[in-house]
N, C-alpha and C. Protein backbone atom coordinates (compact mmCIF):
# COMPACT_ATOMS: atom_id res chain seq x y z
N MET A 1 -22.89 16.99 20.53
CA MET A 1 -23.31 15.90 19.63
C MET A 1 -23.60 14.67 20.48
N SER A 2 -24.88 14.39 20.71
CA SER A 2 -25.23 13.26 21.57
C SER A 2 -25.32 11.96 20.79
N ASP A 3 -25.68 12.03 19.51
CA ASP A 3 -25.79 10.84 18.69
C ASP A 3 -24.86 10.95 17.48
N LEU A 4 -24.29 9.82 17.09
CA LEU A 4 -23.45 9.75 15.89
C LEU A 4 -23.95 8.58 15.06
N LEU A 5 -24.38 8.86 13.84
CA LEU A 5 -24.90 7.81 12.96
C LEU A 5 -23.76 7.18 12.18
N LEU A 6 -23.68 5.86 12.26
CA LEU A 6 -22.68 5.13 11.49
C LEU A 6 -23.27 4.80 10.12
N ALA A 7 -22.71 5.41 9.09
CA ALA A 7 -23.30 5.35 7.75
C ALA A 7 -22.83 4.12 6.98
N THR A 8 -23.21 2.95 7.47
CA THR A 8 -22.93 1.70 6.76
C THR A 8 -23.91 0.64 7.21
N ALA A 9 -24.27 -0.25 6.29
CA ALA A 9 -25.10 -1.41 6.62
C ALA A 9 -24.26 -2.68 6.67
N ASN A 10 -22.95 -2.56 6.47
CA ASN A 10 -22.05 -3.71 6.47
C ASN A 10 -21.87 -4.23 7.90
N PRO A 11 -22.29 -5.47 8.20
CA PRO A 11 -22.20 -5.96 9.58
C PRO A 11 -20.78 -5.99 10.12
N GLY A 12 -19.80 -6.36 9.28
CA GLY A 12 -18.42 -6.39 9.73
C GLY A 12 -17.93 -5.01 10.12
N LYS A 13 -18.24 -4.01 9.30
CA LYS A 13 -17.84 -2.64 9.62
C LYS A 13 -18.57 -2.13 10.86
N GLN A 14 -19.84 -2.49 11.00
CA GLN A 14 -20.58 -2.05 12.19
C GLN A 14 -19.94 -2.60 13.46
N ARG A 15 -19.54 -3.86 13.45
CA ARG A 15 -18.90 -4.44 14.63
C ARG A 15 -17.57 -3.75 14.92
N GLU A 16 -16.78 -3.53 13.86
CA GLU A 16 -15.46 -2.94 14.05
C GLU A 16 -15.56 -1.50 14.54
N PHE A 17 -16.43 -0.71 13.93
CA PHE A 17 -16.59 0.67 14.38
C PHE A 17 -17.16 0.73 15.80
N SER A 18 -18.04 -0.18 16.16
CA SER A 18 -18.58 -0.19 17.51
C SER A 18 -17.47 -0.39 18.53
N ARG A 19 -16.49 -1.24 18.22
CA ARG A 19 -15.34 -1.41 19.12
C ARG A 19 -14.47 -0.16 19.13
N LEU A 20 -14.16 0.35 17.94
CA LEU A 20 -13.24 1.47 17.84
C LEU A 20 -13.78 2.74 18.49
N LEU A 21 -15.10 2.88 18.53
CA LEU A 21 -15.71 4.10 19.06
C LEU A 21 -16.33 3.90 20.43
N GLN A 22 -16.03 2.79 21.09
CA GLN A 22 -16.71 2.49 22.34
C GLN A 22 -16.36 3.46 23.46
N GLY A 23 -15.21 4.15 23.37
CA GLY A 23 -14.85 5.12 24.40
C GLY A 23 -15.45 6.49 24.18
N LEU A 24 -16.14 6.68 23.08
CA LEU A 24 -16.72 7.98 22.76
C LEU A 24 -18.02 8.17 23.54
N GLU A 25 -18.21 9.36 24.08
CA GLU A 25 -19.40 9.61 24.89
C GLU A 25 -20.67 9.68 24.06
N SER A 26 -20.55 9.97 22.78
CA SER A 26 -21.73 9.99 21.92
C SER A 26 -22.32 8.58 21.80
N ARG A 27 -23.62 8.52 21.60
CA ARG A 27 -24.29 7.24 21.35
C ARG A 27 -24.15 6.90 19.87
N LEU A 28 -23.60 5.72 19.59
CA LEU A 28 -23.44 5.29 18.21
C LEU A 28 -24.76 4.70 17.72
N VAL A 29 -25.30 5.29 16.66
CA VAL A 29 -26.58 4.86 16.10
C VAL A 29 -26.34 4.11 14.80
N LEU A 30 -26.93 2.92 14.67
CA LEU A 30 -26.83 2.15 13.44
C LEU A 30 -28.05 2.43 12.56
N PRO A 31 -27.89 2.39 11.24
CA PRO A 31 -29.01 2.73 10.35
C PRO A 31 -30.27 1.92 10.62
N GLN A 32 -30.11 0.62 10.88
CA GLN A 32 -31.29 -0.22 11.08
C GLN A 32 -32.05 0.15 12.36
N GLN A 33 -31.37 0.82 13.29
CA GLN A 33 -32.04 1.21 14.53
C GLN A 33 -33.03 2.35 14.32
N ILE A 34 -32.85 3.11 13.24
CA ILE A 34 -33.77 4.23 12.97
C ILE A 34 -34.48 4.06 11.63
N GLY A 35 -34.48 2.82 11.13
CA GLY A 35 -35.24 2.50 9.93
C GLY A 35 -34.66 3.04 8.64
N LEU A 36 -33.35 3.27 8.61
CA LEU A 36 -32.70 3.77 7.40
C LEU A 36 -32.14 2.61 6.59
N ASN A 37 -32.41 2.64 5.29
CA ASN A 37 -31.86 1.64 4.39
C ASN A 37 -31.48 2.34 3.09
N LEU A 38 -30.40 3.10 3.14
CA LEU A 38 -29.98 3.88 1.98
C LEU A 38 -29.00 3.09 1.12
N ASP A 39 -29.17 3.20 -0.18
CA ASP A 39 -28.24 2.61 -1.13
C ASP A 39 -27.55 3.77 -1.86
N VAL A 40 -26.41 4.18 -1.33
CA VAL A 40 -25.71 5.35 -1.86
C VAL A 40 -24.70 4.88 -2.91
N PRO A 41 -24.80 5.34 -4.14
CA PRO A 41 -23.82 4.95 -5.17
C PRO A 41 -22.41 5.37 -4.77
N GLU A 42 -21.43 4.55 -5.18
CA GLU A 42 -20.02 4.85 -4.92
C GLU A 42 -19.25 4.85 -6.24
N PRO A 43 -19.55 5.80 -7.12
CA PRO A 43 -18.93 5.78 -8.46
C PRO A 43 -17.62 6.54 -8.55
N HIS A 44 -17.21 7.15 -7.46
CA HIS A 44 -16.10 8.10 -7.53
C HIS A 44 -14.74 7.40 -7.57
N PRO A 45 -13.73 8.05 -8.10
CA PRO A 45 -12.41 7.43 -8.23
C PRO A 45 -11.58 7.45 -6.96
N THR A 46 -12.02 8.19 -5.93
CA THR A 46 -11.24 8.26 -4.69
C THR A 46 -12.08 7.80 -3.51
N TYR A 47 -11.36 7.27 -2.49
CA TYR A 47 -12.03 6.87 -1.25
C TYR A 47 -12.72 8.07 -0.60
N ALA A 48 -12.02 9.21 -0.59
CA ALA A 48 -12.55 10.40 0.08
C ALA A 48 -13.89 10.82 -0.51
N GLU A 49 -14.00 10.78 -1.83
CA GLU A 49 -15.25 11.18 -2.48
C GLU A 49 -16.38 10.20 -2.17
N ASN A 50 -16.09 8.91 -2.18
CA ASN A 50 -17.12 7.92 -1.87
C ASN A 50 -17.57 8.02 -0.42
N ALA A 51 -16.61 8.18 0.50
CA ALA A 51 -16.97 8.32 1.91
C ALA A 51 -17.79 9.58 2.13
N THR A 52 -17.41 10.66 1.46
CA THR A 52 -18.15 11.92 1.58
C THR A 52 -19.59 11.77 1.09
N ALA A 53 -19.77 11.09 -0.04
CA ALA A 53 -21.12 10.90 -0.58
C ALA A 53 -22.00 10.14 0.40
N LYS A 54 -21.45 9.09 1.01
CA LYS A 54 -22.23 8.29 1.95
C LYS A 54 -22.57 9.08 3.21
N ALA A 55 -21.56 9.73 3.79
CA ALA A 55 -21.79 10.47 5.03
C ALA A 55 -22.80 11.60 4.81
N ALA A 56 -22.67 12.32 3.70
CA ALA A 56 -23.58 13.43 3.41
C ALA A 56 -25.01 12.94 3.23
N ALA A 57 -25.18 11.84 2.52
CA ALA A 57 -26.53 11.31 2.28
C ALA A 57 -27.20 10.90 3.59
N TYR A 58 -26.47 10.21 4.45
CA TYR A 58 -27.04 9.77 5.73
C TYR A 58 -27.34 10.97 6.63
N ALA A 59 -26.46 11.96 6.64
CA ALA A 59 -26.68 13.14 7.48
C ALA A 59 -27.90 13.94 7.02
N LEU A 60 -28.05 14.09 5.70
CA LEU A 60 -29.18 14.84 5.17
C LEU A 60 -30.51 14.17 5.49
N VAL A 61 -30.56 12.85 5.34
CA VAL A 61 -31.81 12.14 5.57
C VAL A 61 -32.16 12.06 7.05
N SER A 62 -31.15 11.85 7.90
CA SER A 62 -31.40 11.62 9.32
C SER A 62 -31.38 12.88 10.17
N GLY A 63 -30.65 13.91 9.71
CA GLY A 63 -30.45 15.09 10.53
C GLY A 63 -29.41 14.89 11.62
N LEU A 64 -28.73 13.75 11.60
CA LEU A 64 -27.70 13.44 12.59
C LEU A 64 -26.31 13.58 11.98
N PRO A 65 -25.30 13.89 12.80
CA PRO A 65 -23.93 13.77 12.31
C PRO A 65 -23.69 12.32 11.89
N ALA A 66 -23.04 12.14 10.76
CA ALA A 66 -22.86 10.79 10.21
C ALA A 66 -21.40 10.54 9.90
N LEU A 67 -20.96 9.32 10.20
CA LEU A 67 -19.58 8.91 9.94
C LEU A 67 -19.60 7.77 8.94
N ALA A 68 -18.93 7.96 7.81
CA ALA A 68 -18.87 6.93 6.76
C ALA A 68 -17.42 6.66 6.40
N ASP A 69 -17.18 5.46 5.94
CA ASP A 69 -15.83 5.16 5.46
C ASP A 69 -15.89 4.58 4.06
N ASP A 70 -14.80 4.74 3.35
CA ASP A 70 -14.58 3.96 2.14
C ASP A 70 -13.18 3.40 2.27
N SER A 71 -13.07 2.11 2.12
CA SER A 71 -11.81 1.42 2.34
C SER A 71 -11.51 0.51 1.17
N GLY A 72 -10.25 0.13 1.04
CA GLY A 72 -9.91 -0.76 -0.05
C GLY A 72 -8.56 -1.41 0.12
N LEU A 73 -8.36 -2.45 -0.66
CA LEU A 73 -7.10 -3.16 -0.74
C LEU A 73 -6.38 -2.70 -2.00
N GLU A 74 -5.10 -2.38 -1.86
CA GLU A 74 -4.28 -1.98 -3.00
C GLU A 74 -3.10 -2.94 -3.10
N VAL A 75 -2.96 -3.56 -4.27
CA VAL A 75 -1.97 -4.63 -4.47
C VAL A 75 -1.02 -4.23 -5.59
N ALA A 76 0.27 -4.30 -5.30
CA ALA A 76 1.28 -3.86 -6.27
C ALA A 76 1.16 -4.62 -7.59
N ALA A 77 0.97 -5.94 -7.51
CA ALA A 77 0.92 -6.76 -8.71
C ALA A 77 -0.34 -6.53 -9.54
N LEU A 78 -1.29 -5.82 -8.98
CA LEU A 78 -2.53 -5.48 -9.70
C LEU A 78 -2.57 -3.99 -10.01
N ASP A 79 -1.40 -3.41 -10.23
CA ASP A 79 -1.29 -1.97 -10.51
C ASP A 79 -1.95 -1.16 -9.39
N TRP A 80 -1.76 -1.63 -8.18
CA TRP A 80 -2.30 -1.00 -6.97
C TRP A 80 -3.82 -0.95 -6.97
N GLY A 81 -4.42 -1.92 -7.63
CA GLY A 81 -5.86 -2.13 -7.52
C GLY A 81 -6.10 -3.24 -6.50
N PRO A 82 -7.35 -3.56 -6.21
CA PRO A 82 -8.57 -2.99 -6.79
C PRO A 82 -8.99 -1.64 -6.21
N GLY A 83 -8.40 -1.20 -5.11
CA GLY A 83 -8.68 0.13 -4.59
C GLY A 83 -10.14 0.36 -4.27
N THR A 84 -10.70 1.42 -4.84
CA THR A 84 -12.10 1.77 -4.53
C THR A 84 -13.09 0.72 -5.03
N ARG A 85 -12.63 -0.21 -5.85
CA ARG A 85 -13.51 -1.28 -6.36
C ARG A 85 -13.39 -2.56 -5.54
N SER A 86 -12.73 -2.49 -4.39
CA SER A 86 -12.44 -3.70 -3.62
C SER A 86 -13.68 -4.50 -3.24
N ALA A 87 -14.75 -3.82 -2.88
CA ALA A 87 -15.97 -4.52 -2.44
C ALA A 87 -16.69 -5.19 -3.59
N ARG A 88 -16.37 -4.80 -4.82
CA ARG A 88 -17.07 -5.36 -5.99
C ARG A 88 -16.11 -6.04 -6.95
N TYR A 89 -14.88 -6.25 -6.54
CA TYR A 89 -13.84 -6.72 -7.44
C TYR A 89 -14.16 -8.11 -7.98
N GLY A 90 -14.04 -8.27 -9.28
CA GLY A 90 -14.33 -9.54 -9.92
C GLY A 90 -15.76 -9.67 -10.40
N GLY A 91 -16.62 -8.73 -10.00
CA GLY A 91 -18.00 -8.76 -10.45
C GLY A 91 -18.92 -9.51 -9.50
N PRO A 92 -20.22 -9.47 -9.76
CA PRO A 92 -21.20 -10.08 -8.86
C PRO A 92 -21.11 -11.60 -8.79
N GLU A 93 -20.47 -12.22 -9.76
CA GLU A 93 -20.39 -13.68 -9.75
C GLU A 93 -19.32 -14.19 -8.79
N VAL A 94 -18.48 -13.31 -8.26
CA VAL A 94 -17.42 -13.71 -7.33
C VAL A 94 -17.96 -13.64 -5.90
N ASP A 95 -18.04 -14.79 -5.24
CA ASP A 95 -18.54 -14.84 -3.87
C ASP A 95 -17.45 -14.56 -2.84
N ASP A 96 -16.24 -15.00 -3.12
CA ASP A 96 -15.13 -14.88 -2.17
C ASP A 96 -14.01 -14.07 -2.83
N ARG A 97 -13.99 -12.78 -2.58
CA ARG A 97 -13.03 -11.91 -3.26
C ARG A 97 -11.61 -12.11 -2.75
N ALA A 98 -11.46 -12.53 -1.50
CA ALA A 98 -10.12 -12.80 -0.99
C ALA A 98 -9.49 -13.97 -1.75
N THR A 99 -10.24 -15.04 -1.94
CA THR A 99 -9.74 -16.18 -2.70
C THR A 99 -9.50 -15.80 -4.15
N PHE A 100 -10.33 -14.94 -4.70
CA PHE A 100 -10.15 -14.45 -6.06
C PHE A 100 -8.81 -13.74 -6.20
N ILE A 101 -8.45 -12.91 -5.22
CA ILE A 101 -7.15 -12.23 -5.24
C ILE A 101 -6.02 -13.24 -5.17
N LEU A 102 -6.16 -14.25 -4.33
CA LEU A 102 -5.11 -15.29 -4.23
C LEU A 102 -4.89 -15.97 -5.57
N GLU A 103 -5.96 -16.25 -6.28
CA GLU A 103 -5.83 -16.90 -7.59
C GLU A 103 -5.12 -15.98 -8.58
N LEU A 104 -5.44 -14.71 -8.56
CA LEU A 104 -4.79 -13.77 -9.47
C LEU A 104 -3.30 -13.65 -9.19
N LEU A 105 -2.92 -13.81 -7.92
CA LEU A 105 -1.52 -13.63 -7.53
C LEU A 105 -0.79 -14.96 -7.36
N ARG A 106 -1.34 -16.02 -7.92
CA ARG A 106 -0.77 -17.35 -7.72
C ARG A 106 0.72 -17.39 -8.05
N ASP A 107 1.13 -16.75 -9.13
CA ASP A 107 2.53 -16.79 -9.56
C ASP A 107 3.26 -15.46 -9.33
N ALA A 108 2.66 -14.56 -8.60
CA ALA A 108 3.26 -13.23 -8.41
C ALA A 108 4.41 -13.31 -7.41
N THR A 109 5.49 -12.62 -7.71
CA THR A 109 6.61 -12.52 -6.78
C THR A 109 6.54 -11.24 -5.96
N ASP A 110 6.02 -10.18 -6.54
CA ASP A 110 5.82 -8.94 -5.81
C ASP A 110 4.44 -8.98 -5.17
N ARG A 111 4.38 -9.21 -3.86
CA ARG A 111 3.11 -9.39 -3.18
C ARG A 111 2.80 -8.21 -2.24
N ARG A 112 3.51 -7.11 -2.43
CA ARG A 112 3.26 -5.94 -1.58
C ARG A 112 1.81 -5.47 -1.70
N ALA A 113 1.29 -5.01 -0.58
CA ALA A 113 -0.10 -4.55 -0.56
C ALA A 113 -0.29 -3.58 0.59
N ARG A 114 -1.39 -2.87 0.54
CA ARG A 114 -1.74 -2.00 1.65
C ARG A 114 -3.26 -1.91 1.74
N MET A 115 -3.72 -1.66 2.95
CA MET A 115 -5.14 -1.41 3.19
C MET A 115 -5.30 0.07 3.51
N VAL A 116 -6.27 0.69 2.85
CA VAL A 116 -6.46 2.14 2.96
C VAL A 116 -7.88 2.43 3.44
N CYS A 117 -8.01 3.39 4.34
CA CYS A 117 -9.33 3.81 4.81
C CYS A 117 -9.41 5.33 4.84
N TRP A 118 -10.49 5.85 4.30
CA TRP A 118 -10.82 7.27 4.44
C TRP A 118 -12.16 7.37 5.16
N LEU A 119 -12.21 8.20 6.20
CA LEU A 119 -13.44 8.48 6.93
C LEU A 119 -13.94 9.87 6.57
N ALA A 120 -15.24 9.99 6.43
CA ALA A 120 -15.87 11.29 6.25
C ALA A 120 -16.86 11.51 7.38
N LEU A 121 -16.72 12.61 8.07
CA LEU A 121 -17.66 13.02 9.11
C LEU A 121 -18.52 14.14 8.52
N ALA A 122 -19.82 13.90 8.43
CA ALA A 122 -20.76 14.88 7.89
C ALA A 122 -21.54 15.50 9.03
N ILE A 123 -21.44 16.81 9.16
CA ILE A 123 -22.11 17.54 10.24
C ILE A 123 -23.24 18.34 9.63
N PRO A 124 -24.50 17.97 9.93
CA PRO A 124 -25.62 18.64 9.27
C PRO A 124 -25.79 20.07 9.75
N GLY A 125 -26.41 20.87 8.90
CA GLY A 125 -26.69 22.25 9.26
C GLY A 125 -28.00 22.68 8.63
N ALA A 126 -28.39 23.90 8.93
CA ALA A 126 -29.64 24.43 8.38
C ALA A 126 -29.40 25.81 7.81
N ALA A 127 -30.08 26.10 6.73
CA ALA A 127 -30.03 27.43 6.13
C ALA A 127 -30.83 28.40 7.01
N PRO A 128 -30.68 29.71 6.79
CA PRO A 128 -31.42 30.68 7.61
C PRO A 128 -32.93 30.48 7.62
N ASP A 129 -33.48 29.92 6.53
CA ASP A 129 -34.93 29.70 6.50
C ASP A 129 -35.34 28.38 7.13
N GLY A 130 -34.36 27.67 7.70
CA GLY A 130 -34.66 26.42 8.40
C GLY A 130 -34.57 25.18 7.55
N THR A 131 -34.38 25.33 6.25
CA THR A 131 -34.27 24.15 5.38
C THR A 131 -32.88 23.53 5.51
N ALA A 132 -32.81 22.24 5.19
CA ALA A 132 -31.53 21.54 5.29
C ALA A 132 -30.56 22.06 4.23
N ARG A 133 -29.31 22.09 4.58
CA ARG A 133 -28.29 22.46 3.62
C ARG A 133 -27.21 21.39 3.62
N SER A 134 -26.33 21.45 2.66
CA SER A 134 -25.29 20.42 2.55
C SER A 134 -24.47 20.37 3.83
N PRO A 135 -24.23 19.17 4.37
CA PRO A 135 -23.46 19.05 5.60
C PRO A 135 -22.02 19.51 5.41
N ARG A 136 -21.41 19.93 6.50
CA ARG A 136 -19.98 20.20 6.49
C ARG A 136 -19.24 18.87 6.60
N ILE A 137 -18.21 18.70 5.80
CA ILE A 137 -17.49 17.43 5.74
C ILE A 137 -16.07 17.60 6.29
N GLU A 138 -15.66 16.65 7.13
CA GLU A 138 -14.28 16.59 7.60
C GLU A 138 -13.75 15.19 7.30
N LEU A 139 -12.50 15.10 6.87
CA LEU A 139 -11.92 13.85 6.38
C LEU A 139 -10.74 13.40 7.23
N PHE A 140 -10.60 12.08 7.37
CA PHE A 140 -9.51 11.46 8.12
C PHE A 140 -9.11 10.18 7.39
N SER A 141 -7.86 9.75 7.54
CA SER A 141 -7.41 8.57 6.78
C SER A 141 -6.43 7.73 7.57
N GLY A 142 -6.27 6.49 7.12
CA GLY A 142 -5.30 5.57 7.70
C GLY A 142 -4.84 4.58 6.65
N VAL A 143 -3.58 4.12 6.77
CA VAL A 143 -3.00 3.16 5.82
C VAL A 143 -2.25 2.09 6.60
N LEU A 144 -2.45 0.84 6.23
CA LEU A 144 -1.72 -0.28 6.81
C LEU A 144 -0.95 -0.99 5.70
N GLU A 145 0.37 -1.02 5.84
CA GLU A 145 1.22 -1.66 4.84
C GLU A 145 1.40 -3.14 5.16
N GLY A 146 1.47 -3.95 4.10
CA GLY A 146 1.67 -5.38 4.30
C GLY A 146 1.92 -6.07 2.98
N ALA A 147 1.40 -7.29 2.87
CA ALA A 147 1.58 -8.09 1.66
C ALA A 147 0.40 -9.06 1.56
N ILE A 148 0.30 -9.69 0.41
CA ILE A 148 -0.73 -10.72 0.21
C ILE A 148 -0.13 -12.08 0.54
N ALA A 149 -0.78 -12.80 1.44
CA ALA A 149 -0.32 -14.14 1.81
C ALA A 149 -0.49 -15.10 0.63
N THR A 150 0.04 -16.29 0.78
CA THR A 150 -0.10 -17.30 -0.28
C THR A 150 -1.31 -18.22 -0.04
N GLU A 151 -1.94 -18.07 1.12
CA GLU A 151 -3.13 -18.86 1.44
C GLU A 151 -3.95 -18.12 2.48
N ARG A 152 -5.19 -18.50 2.62
CA ARG A 152 -6.05 -17.91 3.65
C ARG A 152 -5.61 -18.39 5.02
N ARG A 153 -5.56 -17.47 5.98
CA ARG A 153 -5.19 -17.85 7.35
C ARG A 153 -5.96 -16.99 8.34
N GLY A 154 -6.50 -17.64 9.35
CA GLY A 154 -7.18 -16.93 10.42
C GLY A 154 -8.68 -16.91 10.26
N GLU A 155 -9.36 -16.77 11.38
CA GLU A 155 -10.83 -16.78 11.39
C GLU A 155 -11.42 -15.44 11.78
N GLY A 156 -10.59 -14.49 12.17
CA GLY A 156 -11.11 -13.20 12.62
C GLY A 156 -11.33 -12.23 11.47
N GLY A 157 -11.87 -11.06 11.84
CA GLY A 157 -12.04 -10.00 10.85
C GLY A 157 -13.07 -10.34 9.79
N PHE A 158 -12.92 -9.69 8.64
CA PHE A 158 -13.84 -9.91 7.52
C PHE A 158 -13.15 -9.42 6.25
N GLY A 159 -13.81 -9.61 5.12
CA GLY A 159 -13.26 -9.11 3.86
C GLY A 159 -11.93 -9.75 3.51
N TYR A 160 -10.92 -8.92 3.33
CA TYR A 160 -9.61 -9.39 2.89
C TYR A 160 -8.67 -9.74 4.06
N ASP A 161 -9.17 -9.67 5.29
CA ASP A 161 -8.30 -9.94 6.45
C ASP A 161 -7.57 -11.28 6.37
N PRO A 162 -8.21 -12.37 5.92
CA PRO A 162 -7.50 -13.67 5.92
C PRO A 162 -6.31 -13.75 4.97
N ILE A 163 -6.17 -12.80 4.05
CA ILE A 163 -5.04 -12.86 3.11
C ILE A 163 -4.10 -11.67 3.25
N PHE A 164 -4.38 -10.76 4.20
CA PHE A 164 -3.53 -9.58 4.35
C PHE A 164 -2.46 -9.87 5.40
N LEU A 165 -1.23 -9.98 4.92
CA LEU A 165 -0.11 -10.43 5.74
C LEU A 165 0.67 -9.24 6.28
N LEU A 166 0.90 -9.26 7.59
CA LEU A 166 1.66 -8.21 8.26
C LEU A 166 3.14 -8.56 8.30
N PRO A 167 4.02 -7.59 8.58
CA PRO A 167 5.45 -7.89 8.70
C PRO A 167 5.76 -8.90 9.81
N THR A 168 4.85 -9.07 10.77
CA THR A 168 5.05 -10.04 11.85
C THR A 168 4.88 -11.47 11.38
N GLY A 169 4.34 -11.67 10.17
CA GLY A 169 4.08 -13.01 9.66
C GLY A 169 2.67 -13.49 9.90
N LEU A 170 1.86 -12.69 10.59
CA LEU A 170 0.46 -13.03 10.82
C LEU A 170 -0.43 -12.25 9.86
N THR A 171 -1.57 -12.84 9.51
CA THR A 171 -2.56 -12.07 8.77
C THR A 171 -3.39 -11.28 9.78
N THR A 172 -4.09 -10.26 9.30
CA THR A 172 -4.93 -9.49 10.22
C THR A 172 -6.09 -10.34 10.75
N ALA A 173 -6.44 -11.41 10.06
CA ALA A 173 -7.48 -12.31 10.55
C ALA A 173 -6.98 -13.18 11.70
N GLU A 174 -5.66 -13.25 11.89
CA GLU A 174 -5.09 -14.05 12.98
C GLU A 174 -4.87 -13.24 14.24
N LEU A 175 -5.07 -11.94 14.18
CA LEU A 175 -4.85 -11.09 15.34
C LEU A 175 -6.07 -11.06 16.26
N PRO A 176 -5.86 -10.98 17.57
CA PRO A 176 -6.99 -10.66 18.45
C PRO A 176 -7.58 -9.31 18.06
N GLU A 177 -8.87 -9.15 18.29
CA GLU A 177 -9.53 -7.92 17.85
C GLU A 177 -8.85 -6.66 18.37
N GLY A 178 -8.46 -6.69 19.65
CA GLY A 178 -7.84 -5.51 20.24
C GLY A 178 -6.53 -5.13 19.56
N GLU A 179 -5.74 -6.13 19.21
CA GLU A 179 -4.47 -5.86 18.53
C GLU A 179 -4.71 -5.34 17.12
N LYS A 180 -5.65 -5.94 16.43
CA LYS A 180 -5.96 -5.48 15.07
C LYS A 180 -6.44 -4.04 15.09
N ASP A 181 -7.29 -3.70 16.05
CA ASP A 181 -7.85 -2.35 16.10
C ASP A 181 -6.78 -1.29 16.29
N LEU A 182 -5.69 -1.63 16.96
CA LEU A 182 -4.63 -0.67 17.22
C LEU A 182 -3.85 -0.31 15.96
N ILE A 183 -3.76 -1.25 15.02
CA ILE A 183 -2.88 -1.02 13.87
C ILE A 183 -3.62 -0.93 12.54
N SER A 184 -4.87 -1.34 12.48
CA SER A 184 -5.56 -1.44 11.19
C SER A 184 -5.73 -0.07 10.54
N HIS A 185 -5.94 -0.10 9.23
CA HIS A 185 -6.19 1.13 8.49
C HIS A 185 -7.42 1.86 9.04
N ARG A 186 -8.45 1.10 9.40
CA ARG A 186 -9.65 1.72 9.94
C ARG A 186 -9.40 2.24 11.35
N GLY A 187 -8.63 1.49 12.12
CA GLY A 187 -8.28 1.94 13.46
C GLY A 187 -7.47 3.23 13.43
N GLN A 188 -6.54 3.33 12.49
CA GLN A 188 -5.75 4.55 12.36
C GLN A 188 -6.62 5.74 12.00
N ALA A 189 -7.55 5.54 11.08
CA ALA A 189 -8.43 6.64 10.66
C ALA A 189 -9.32 7.09 11.82
N VAL A 190 -9.85 6.14 12.57
CA VAL A 190 -10.68 6.49 13.72
C VAL A 190 -9.86 7.23 14.77
N ALA A 191 -8.63 6.77 15.01
CA ALA A 191 -7.77 7.46 15.97
C ALA A 191 -7.54 8.91 15.56
N ALA A 192 -7.39 9.15 14.26
CA ALA A 192 -7.22 10.52 13.77
C ALA A 192 -8.49 11.34 13.96
N ALA A 193 -9.65 10.69 13.87
CA ALA A 193 -10.92 11.40 13.97
C ALA A 193 -11.37 11.64 15.41
N LEU A 194 -10.89 10.83 16.35
CA LEU A 194 -11.41 10.88 17.71
C LEU A 194 -11.31 12.26 18.37
N PRO A 195 -10.18 12.99 18.24
CA PRO A 195 -10.16 14.32 18.86
C PRO A 195 -11.28 15.22 18.37
N ARG A 196 -11.57 15.17 17.09
CA ARG A 196 -12.65 15.99 16.54
C ARG A 196 -14.01 15.51 17.03
N LEU A 197 -14.20 14.20 17.08
CA LEU A 197 -15.47 13.65 17.56
C LEU A 197 -15.69 14.02 19.03
N ARG A 198 -14.63 13.95 19.83
CA ARG A 198 -14.75 14.32 21.24
C ARG A 198 -15.06 15.81 21.40
N ALA A 199 -14.45 16.63 20.56
CA ALA A 199 -14.72 18.07 20.62
C ALA A 199 -16.18 18.36 20.29
N LEU A 200 -16.71 17.67 19.30
CA LEU A 200 -18.11 17.86 18.94
C LEU A 200 -19.04 17.38 20.05
N THR A 201 -18.66 16.29 20.70
CA THR A 201 -19.44 15.79 21.82
C THR A 201 -19.49 16.82 22.94
N ALA A 202 -18.35 17.43 23.21
CA ALA A 202 -18.29 18.42 24.29
C ALA A 202 -19.13 19.66 23.98
N MET A 203 -19.34 19.94 22.68
CA MET A 203 -20.11 21.11 22.28
C MET A 203 -21.61 20.86 22.30
N ALA A 204 -22.00 19.59 22.40
CA ALA A 204 -23.43 19.25 22.33
C ALA A 204 -24.16 19.79 23.54
N PRO A 205 -25.40 20.24 23.36
CA PRO A 205 -26.17 20.77 24.50
C PRO A 205 -26.53 19.67 25.48
């Protein structure tokens, strides 16, 4: 496997995955580099299903192995939501979803939370007649436990990082990138996937 397509147009995720996968011998390909602009629906109730849908769509269109993630914030005081709706939580009129969460939890005493990531690796294949067939899917996951801070802190990261509080007392937005990558939900999922990605790289002609 000489090329690996990263199945996301999210700039924050592209930067983070580029760091997390920098030791991989495969060349990481971004959708915009090959003219791909897919809008894959994410209607499913689980991260794994949404990640699978994205990875499969990108692999089918490009013919490349594709890696997609679906991630979310789960908050105890919100019945462990927003979960798979994290990127759209509050509706299109909400510009800052992290601040929106802070407002919802203004009087909450139980501030437990976790960040969850599921990765789907889609490996394309061909039917005996040469036509494309559904890619083979492999799944990996990671979870980071923490809490919701009482205010925004830190300038790093993206999304909910400024309000996600670690047991150390720092938010993930306050961590240096290298430290965050070692412990983050996405970092854990990539670490789980790396042996498989390296094996596929070794098998490439």
